[in-house]
Each structure stands twice: as C-alpha cells, then as structure tokens.
N, C-alpha and C. Protein backbone atom coordinates (compact mmCIF):
# COMPACT_ATOMS: atom_id res chain seq x y z
N MET A 1 -0.01 -16.15 2.84
CA MET A 1 -1.13 -15.74 2.38
C MET A 1 0.06 -15.20 0.41
N GLU A 2 -0.34 -15.65 -0.59
CA GLU A 2 0.65 -14.73 -1.91
C GLU A 2 -0.55 -15.55 -2.86
N ARG A 3 -0.16 -14.66 -3.69
CA ARG A 3 -1.31 -14.24 -5.01
C ARG A 3 -0.75 -15.31 -5.87
N GLY A 4 -1.44 -16.29 -6.39
CA GLY A 4 -1.17 -16.19 -7.25
C GLY A 4 -1.10 -16.02 -9.02
N LYS A 5 -1.63 -16.73 -9.74
CA LYS A 5 -1.94 -16.41 -11.16
C LYS A 5 -3.28 -15.58 -11.03
N LEU A 6 -3.28 -15.17 -12.18
CA LEU A 6 -4.37 -14.40 -12.50
C LEU A 6 -5.33 -14.71 -13.65
N SER A 7 -6.22 -15.59 -14.17
CA SER A 7 -6.57 -16.14 -15.44
C SER A 7 -8.08 -15.59 -15.63
N ILE A 8 -8.51 -15.63 -16.88
CA ILE A 8 -10.12 -15.80 -17.62
C ILE A 8 -9.93 -16.97 -17.71
N LYS A 9 -11.40 -17.76 -17.47
CA LYS A 9 -11.96 -18.52 -17.70
C LYS A 9 -13.57 -18.51 -18.10
N GLU A 10 -13.16 -19.05 -19.61
CA GLU A 10 -14.40 -19.29 -20.29
C GLU A 10 -15.68 -19.28 -19.69
N LYS A 11 -15.47 -19.76 -18.45
CA LYS A 11 -17.76 -19.52 -17.75
C LYS A 11 -17.04 -19.72 -16.38
N LEU A 12 -17.55 -19.17 -15.58
CA LEU A 12 -18.03 -19.68 -13.72
C LEU A 12 -18.01 -21.00 -13.74
N SER A 13 -16.92 -21.63 -13.44
CA SER A 13 -17.50 -23.28 -12.71
C SER A 13 -16.11 -23.48 -11.65
N SER A 14 -16.54 -24.89 -11.60
CA SER A 14 -16.28 -24.88 -10.28
C SER A 14 -15.86 -26.90 -10.17
N THR A 15 -14.35 -27.00 -9.97
CA THR A 15 -14.04 -29.02 -9.67
C THR A 15 -13.45 -29.50 -8.72
N HIS A 16 -13.34 -28.72 -7.77
CA HIS A 16 -12.70 -28.63 -6.59
C HIS A 16 -14.04 -28.81 -5.55
N ASN A 17 -13.27 -29.32 -4.05
CA ASN A 17 -13.95 -30.10 -3.52
C ASN A 17 -14.37 -29.87 -2.98
N VAL A 18 -15.20 -28.28 -2.10
CA VAL A 18 -15.67 -27.11 -1.83
C VAL A 18 -15.55 -25.49 -2.09
N THR A 19 -16.59 -26.11 -2.73
CA THR A 19 -17.00 -24.41 -3.28
C THR A 19 -18.05 -23.60 -2.18
N VAL A 20 -17.36 -22.37 -2.43
CA VAL A 20 -19.06 -20.78 -1.70
C VAL A 20 -18.93 -20.46 -2.47
N LEU A 21 -20.10 -20.27 -3.82
CA LEU A 21 -21.05 -19.63 -4.27
C LEU A 21 -21.64 -18.96 -3.52
N ILE A 22 -21.54 -17.08 -4.39
CA ILE A 22 -22.28 -15.88 -3.70
C ILE A 22 -22.56 -15.35 -4.83
N GLY A 23 -23.83 -14.78 -4.62
CA GLY A 23 -25.03 -13.99 -5.90
C GLY A 23 -24.28 -12.67 -5.95
N LEU A 24 -24.07 -11.89 -7.04
CA LEU A 24 -24.80 -10.53 -7.14
C LEU A 24 -25.47 -9.76 -7.66
N SER A 25 -25.96 -8.96 -7.16
CA SER A 25 -27.58 -8.56 -7.75
C SER A 25 -27.35 -6.52 -7.96
N GLY A 26 -27.96 -6.29 -8.45
CA GLY A 26 -27.72 -4.87 -7.87
C GLY A 26 -27.11 -4.27 -8.97
N SER A 27 -26.45 -2.90 -8.87
CA SER A 27 -25.50 -2.63 -10.23
C SER A 27 -24.63 -3.65 -10.96
N LEU A 28 -23.78 -4.47 -10.46
CA LEU A 28 -23.04 -5.58 -10.41
C LEU A 28 -23.98 -7.04 -10.27
N ARG A 29 -24.37 -8.25 -11.37
CA ARG A 29 -24.92 -8.93 -11.24
C ARG A 29 -24.24 -9.66 -12.18
N GLY A 30 -23.76 -10.67 -11.67
CA GLY A 30 -22.88 -12.46 -11.38
C GLY A 30 -22.92 -12.73 -10.16
N ASN A 31 -21.61 -13.90 -10.59
CA ASN A 31 -21.79 -14.55 -9.14
C ASN A 31 -20.31 -14.48 -8.80
N ILE A 32 -19.98 -14.85 -7.43
CA ILE A 32 -17.84 -14.81 -7.20
C ILE A 32 -18.17 -16.24 -6.62
N THR A 33 -17.48 -17.27 -6.68
CA THR A 33 -17.28 -18.46 -5.65
C THR A 33 -15.44 -18.14 -5.59
N ILE A 34 -15.72 -19.24 -4.24
CA ILE A 34 -14.45 -19.14 -3.08
C ILE A 34 -13.96 -20.70 -3.27
N SER A 35 -13.35 -21.17 -3.69
CA SER A 35 -13.03 -22.49 -4.01
C SER A 35 -11.44 -22.95 -3.77
N MET A 36 -11.57 -24.32 -3.01
CA MET A 36 -10.47 -24.86 -2.73
C MET A 36 -10.15 -26.27 -2.23
N GLY A 37 -9.01 -26.79 -3.48
CA GLY A 37 -9.36 -27.83 -3.96
C GLY A 37 -8.31 -29.48 -3.06
N LYS A 38 -7.81 -28.73 -1.79
CA LYS A 38 -7.23 -29.44 -0.38
C LYS A 38 -8.18 -30.11 -0.39
N PRO A 39 -8.12 -31.90 0.33
CA PRO A 39 -9.60 -33.18 0.79
C PRO A 39 -9.35 -32.41 2.05
N VAL A 40 -10.69 -32.66 2.86
CA VAL A 40 -11.15 -32.68 4.04
C VAL A 40 -10.98 -33.47 4.40
N GLU A 41 -10.88 -34.21 5.78
CA GLU A 41 -11.08 -35.36 5.98
C GLU A 41 -12.04 -35.08 6.95
N ALA A 42 -12.55 -33.78 7.42
CA ALA A 42 -13.12 -33.81 8.77
C ALA A 42 -14.14 -32.67 8.14
N PHE A 43 -14.89 -32.79 8.04
CA PHE A 43 -16.09 -31.07 7.15
C PHE A 43 -17.03 -30.86 7.57
N ASP A 44 -17.34 -31.56 9.05
CA ASP A 44 -18.67 -30.42 9.61
C ASP A 44 -19.40 -29.71 9.76
N ASP A 45 -20.56 -29.66 10.10
CA ASP A 45 -21.59 -28.42 10.26
C ASP A 45 -20.76 -27.45 10.56
N VAL A 46 -19.66 -27.17 11.78
CA VAL A 46 -18.91 -25.61 11.92
C VAL A 46 -18.19 -25.67 10.73
N ALA A 47 -17.31 -26.89 9.63
CA ALA A 47 -15.68 -26.13 9.16
C ALA A 47 -17.43 -25.80 7.67
N GLN A 48 -18.39 -26.20 7.22
CA GLN A 48 -19.43 -25.92 6.25
C GLN A 48 -19.36 -24.20 6.67
N SER A 49 -19.76 -23.73 8.01
CA SER A 49 -20.24 -22.74 8.82
C SER A 49 -18.93 -21.92 8.82
N ALA A 50 -17.98 -21.94 9.10
CA ALA A 50 -16.64 -21.28 9.25
C ALA A 50 -16.04 -20.75 7.27
N ILE A 51 -16.33 -21.50 6.75
CA ILE A 51 -15.89 -21.46 5.15
C ILE A 51 -16.94 -20.11 5.01
N ALA A 52 -18.70 -20.65 5.06
CA ALA A 52 -19.19 -19.70 3.95
C ALA A 52 -19.02 -18.76 5.14
N GLU A 53 -19.26 -18.68 6.07
CA GLU A 53 -18.72 -16.87 6.49
C GLU A 53 -17.84 -16.44 6.66
N MET A 54 -16.24 -17.20 6.03
CA MET A 54 -15.39 -16.69 5.52
C MET A 54 -15.32 -15.71 3.58
N ALA A 55 -16.45 -16.95 3.07
CA ALA A 55 -16.65 -16.37 1.70
C ALA A 55 -17.82 -15.03 1.62
N ASN A 56 -18.20 -15.29 2.86
CA ASN A 56 -19.77 -14.35 3.31
C ASN A 56 -18.94 -12.42 3.55
N MET A 57 -18.02 -13.02 4.68
CA MET A 57 -16.70 -11.50 4.54
C MET A 57 -15.94 -10.72 3.60
N ILE A 58 -15.68 -11.75 2.87
CA ILE A 58 -15.15 -11.31 1.78
C ILE A 58 -15.90 -10.75 0.64
N SER A 59 -16.89 -11.45 -0.22
CA SER A 59 -18.13 -10.65 -0.95
C SER A 59 -18.71 -9.36 0.01
N ALA A 60 -19.11 -10.00 0.81
CA ALA A 60 -19.99 -8.41 1.52
C ALA A 60 -18.66 -7.30 1.47
N LYS A 61 -17.26 -7.82 1.96
CA LYS A 61 -16.26 -6.35 1.88
C LYS A 61 -15.84 -6.00 0.50
N SER A 62 -16.10 -6.81 -0.77
CA SER A 62 -16.06 -6.54 -2.05
C SER A 62 -17.45 -5.05 -2.18
N ALA A 63 -18.72 -5.87 -2.07
CA ALA A 63 -19.62 -5.33 -2.73
C ALA A 63 -20.09 -3.88 -1.74
N ILE A 64 -19.30 -3.52 -0.58
CA ILE A 64 -18.62 -2.37 0.18
C ILE A 64 -17.99 -1.33 -0.86
N ILE A 65 -17.46 -2.35 -1.49
CA ILE A 65 -16.04 -1.31 -2.28
C ILE A 65 -16.71 -0.64 -3.07
N ALA A 66 -17.68 -1.46 -3.95
CA ALA A 66 -18.45 -1.62 -5.64
C ALA A 66 -19.33 -0.20 -4.91
N SER A 67 -19.92 -0.35 -3.52
CA SER A 67 -21.26 0.61 -3.40
C SER A 67 -20.55 1.79 -3.33
N GLN A 68 -19.20 2.07 -2.36
CA GLN A 68 -18.27 3.30 -2.34
C GLN A 68 -18.10 4.01 -3.91
N ASN A 69 -18.41 3.05 -4.72
CA ASN A 69 -17.24 3.83 -5.80
C ASN A 69 -18.52 3.22 -6.88
N GLY A 70 -20.13 3.71 -6.38
CA GLY A 70 -21.08 4.04 -7.16
C GLY A 70 -21.73 2.51 -8.27
N PHE A 71 -21.67 1.28 -7.31
CA PHE A 71 -21.66 0.03 -8.18
C PHE A 71 -23.05 -0.31 -6.80
N ALA A 72 -24.06 0.31 -6.37
CA ALA A 72 -24.48 -0.49 -5.23
C ALA A 72 -24.68 -1.67 -5.37
N THR A 73 -24.17 -2.36 -4.78
CA THR A 73 -24.46 -3.66 -4.98
C THR A 73 -25.00 -4.75 -3.59
N LYS A 74 -25.95 -5.92 -3.83
CA LYS A 74 -26.12 -6.44 -2.75
C LYS A 74 -25.39 -8.33 -3.20
N ILE A 75 -25.27 -8.70 -2.61
CA ILE A 75 -24.68 -10.02 -2.31
C ILE A 75 -25.83 -11.19 -1.56
N SER A 76 -26.52 -12.68 -2.16
CA SER A 76 -27.12 -13.16 -1.21
C SER A 76 -26.22 -13.91 -0.26
N PRO A 77 -27.25 -14.65 0.97
CA PRO A 77 -26.73 -15.58 1.40
C PRO A 77 -25.47 -16.70 1.10
N PRO A 78 -24.41 -16.97 1.30
CA PRO A 78 -23.69 -17.98 0.48
C PRO A 78 -23.90 -19.82 -0.28
N THR A 79 -23.69 -20.22 -0.56
CA THR A 79 -24.35 -22.10 -0.49
C THR A 79 -23.21 -22.47 -1.05
N VAL A 80 -22.76 -23.28 -0.16
CA VAL A 80 -21.53 -24.30 0.36
C VAL A 80 -21.57 -25.86 -0.58
N ILE A 81 -21.06 -25.84 -1.51
CA ILE A 81 -21.27 -27.03 -2.37
C ILE A 81 -19.46 -27.84 -2.36
N THR A 82 -19.99 -29.09 -1.76
CA THR A 82 -19.10 -30.22 -1.35
C THR A 82 -19.06 -31.37 -2.13
N GLY A 83 -17.96 -32.28 -2.48
CA GLY A 83 -18.08 -33.80 -2.63
C GLY A 83 -16.85 -33.43 -3.55
N ASP A 84 -16.22 -35.05 -3.77
CA ASP A 84 -14.83 -35.35 -4.54
C ASP A 84 -15.45 -35.56 -5.86
N ARG A 85 -15.01 -35.57 -6.69
CA ARG A 85 -14.89 -35.61 -8.34
C ARG A 85 -15.90 -34.34 -8.09
N VAL A 86 -16.87 -33.16 -8.04
CA VAL A 86 -18.01 -32.58 -8.32
C VAL A 86 -17.62 -31.16 -9.13
N SER A 87 -18.44 -31.29 -10.49
CA SER A 87 -18.41 -30.33 -11.14
C SER A 87 -19.17 -29.52 -11.72
N CYS A 88 -19.54 -28.11 -10.91
CA CYS A 88 -20.63 -27.41 -11.57
C CYS A 88 -20.08 -26.05 -12.50
N ILE A 89 -20.86 -26.29 -13.56
CA ILE A 89 -21.03 -24.68 -13.71
C ILE A 89 -22.11 -23.75 -13.72
N ILE A 90 -21.58 -22.80 -13.18
CA ILE A 90 -22.82 -21.70 -11.85
C ILE A 90 -22.90 -20.53 -13.56
N SER A 91 -22.02 -20.15 -14.16
CA SER A 91 -22.34 -19.09 -15.34
C SER A 91 -22.04 -19.44 -16.64
N GLN A 92 -21.99 -19.15 -18.11
CA GLN A 92 -21.43 -18.94 -19.29
C GLN A 92 -20.65 -18.02 -19.07
N VAL A 93 -20.81 -17.02 -18.35
CA VAL A 93 -19.59 -15.56 -18.66
C VAL A 93 -18.39 -15.59 -18.47
N LYS A 94 -17.53 -14.98 -19.23
CA LYS A 94 -16.28 -15.25 -19.18
C LYS A 94 -16.12 -14.77 -17.63
N SER A 95 -14.88 -15.10 -16.33
CA SER A 95 -15.04 -14.80 -15.64
C SER A 95 -13.61 -15.02 -14.90
N LEU A 96 -13.25 -13.38 -13.79
CA LEU A 96 -11.21 -13.34 -14.21
C LEU A 96 -10.88 -14.78 -12.80
N ASN A 97 -10.30 -15.30 -12.41
CA ASN A 97 -9.23 -16.21 -11.51
C ASN A 97 -8.90 -15.73 -11.17
N VAL A 98 -8.32 -15.54 -9.64
CA VAL A 98 -7.42 -15.15 -8.82
C VAL A 98 -7.23 -16.78 -8.07
N GLU A 99 -5.64 -16.80 -8.39
CA GLU A 99 -5.32 -17.90 -7.47
C GLU A 99 -4.23 -17.64 -5.92
N MET A 100 -5.07 -18.02 -4.73
CA MET A 100 -3.64 -17.89 -3.47
C MET A 100 -3.31 -18.73 -2.71
N PHE A 101 -2.75 -18.52 -2.68
CA PHE A 101 -1.98 -19.00 -1.79
C PHE A 101 -1.80 -19.65 -0.26
N THR A 102 -2.00 -20.60 0.33
CA THR A 102 -2.09 -20.26 2.29
C THR A 102 -2.04 -21.51 2.71
N GLU A 103 -1.34 -21.30 3.89
CA GLU A 103 -0.78 -21.97 4.46
C GLU A 103 -1.55 -23.71 4.15
N ALA A 104 -2.90 -23.17 4.03
CA ALA A 104 -3.93 -24.69 3.90
C ALA A 104 -4.34 -25.21 2.02
N GLY A 105 -3.24 -24.27 1.76
CA GLY A 105 -3.37 -25.33 0.33
C GLY A 105 -3.83 -23.59 -0.79
N LEU A 106 -4.51 -23.94 -2.18
CA LEU A 106 -4.55 -23.33 -3.28
C LEU A 106 -6.38 -22.65 -2.52
N ILE A 107 -6.23 -21.59 -3.49
CA ILE A 107 -8.26 -21.19 -3.20
C ILE A 107 -7.30 -20.44 -4.31
N GLU A 108 -9.13 -20.66 -5.06
CA GLU A 108 -9.47 -19.22 -6.26
C GLU A 108 -10.77 -19.28 -5.84
N VAL A 109 -10.29 -17.41 -6.23
CA VAL A 109 -11.58 -16.70 -5.60
C VAL A 109 -11.76 -16.66 -7.45
N THR A 110 -13.12 -16.79 -8.25
CA THR A 110 -13.45 -16.44 -8.95
C THR A 110 -14.82 -15.30 -9.29
N ILE A 111 -15.12 -14.47 -10.49
CA ILE A 111 -15.43 -13.16 -10.64
C ILE A 111 -16.54 -13.42 -11.75
N GLY A 112 -17.21 -13.83 -11.87
CA GLY A 112 -18.27 -13.92 -13.36
C GLY A 112 -19.49 -12.57 -13.64
N LEU A 113 -18.84 -11.27 -14.07
CA LEU A 113 -20.00 -10.53 -14.13
C LEU A 113 -20.65 -10.60 -15.05
N GLU A 114 -22.58 -10.48 -15.27
CA GLU A 114 -23.01 -10.69 -16.42
C GLU A 114 -23.64 -8.47 -16.55
N ASN A 115 -24.00 -9.46 -17.71
CA ASN A 115 -23.85 -7.85 -18.63
C ASN A 115 -25.29 -6.82 -18.23
C-alpha cells in the first residue's frame, strides 16, 4: 500500500462505485468515507460485509486514537453505498481526502468534521 495525494475537498462527497460511510459523534462530529472506484464484478453480501468491516476497523482505530488524545468519539455502524455512476453528497463541510494505492486499486479515505 502506498499513500498518494492529500487534498482538501469543498464538500464530503463520492462518485465511486463503492463507498462506505461512517458517522462520528461526541467530541468529534462528522463523517468518514472510504471509497473504491474499481469496477466490481461480483459484489455479493459477503463482499459488502467484508468492505463494511474493513471500514469499521479503520474508523474504530481512529476513534480510539482520538479518545486517547482527549476527543471522546463514537462511530456509527457502516453504511455501504454501491452502484455505477452513483454520486452522493454526504456533507457540505470541507474535507481532508487521502489517496491510497493498493494491489486492488485506488482507495480514498475522506474525513469531514463539523464545527
């Protein structure tokens, strides 16, 4: 895995084939999305569950680190959004976008925190 660009998006949105949405509440409020743009031929219930669990583990680890640093944070259960040419706006807040290049293709992690 190799990190790509860091960028700021004007809003938290996704246009990828697969996006997992996790909400944040507590000291840190907002959303995290983990998105993959590579076409998926067979995306059955097991694959959706695995992607959701991966996002849950990443978000839970982030919430633990935030809590250890004085920001008591809870996460929501993951919501998986799939489809060709799906575009969704999750929040109007500026968001930090991190590209990750993996053997399976590009994964984007985007974090949008509200005031």
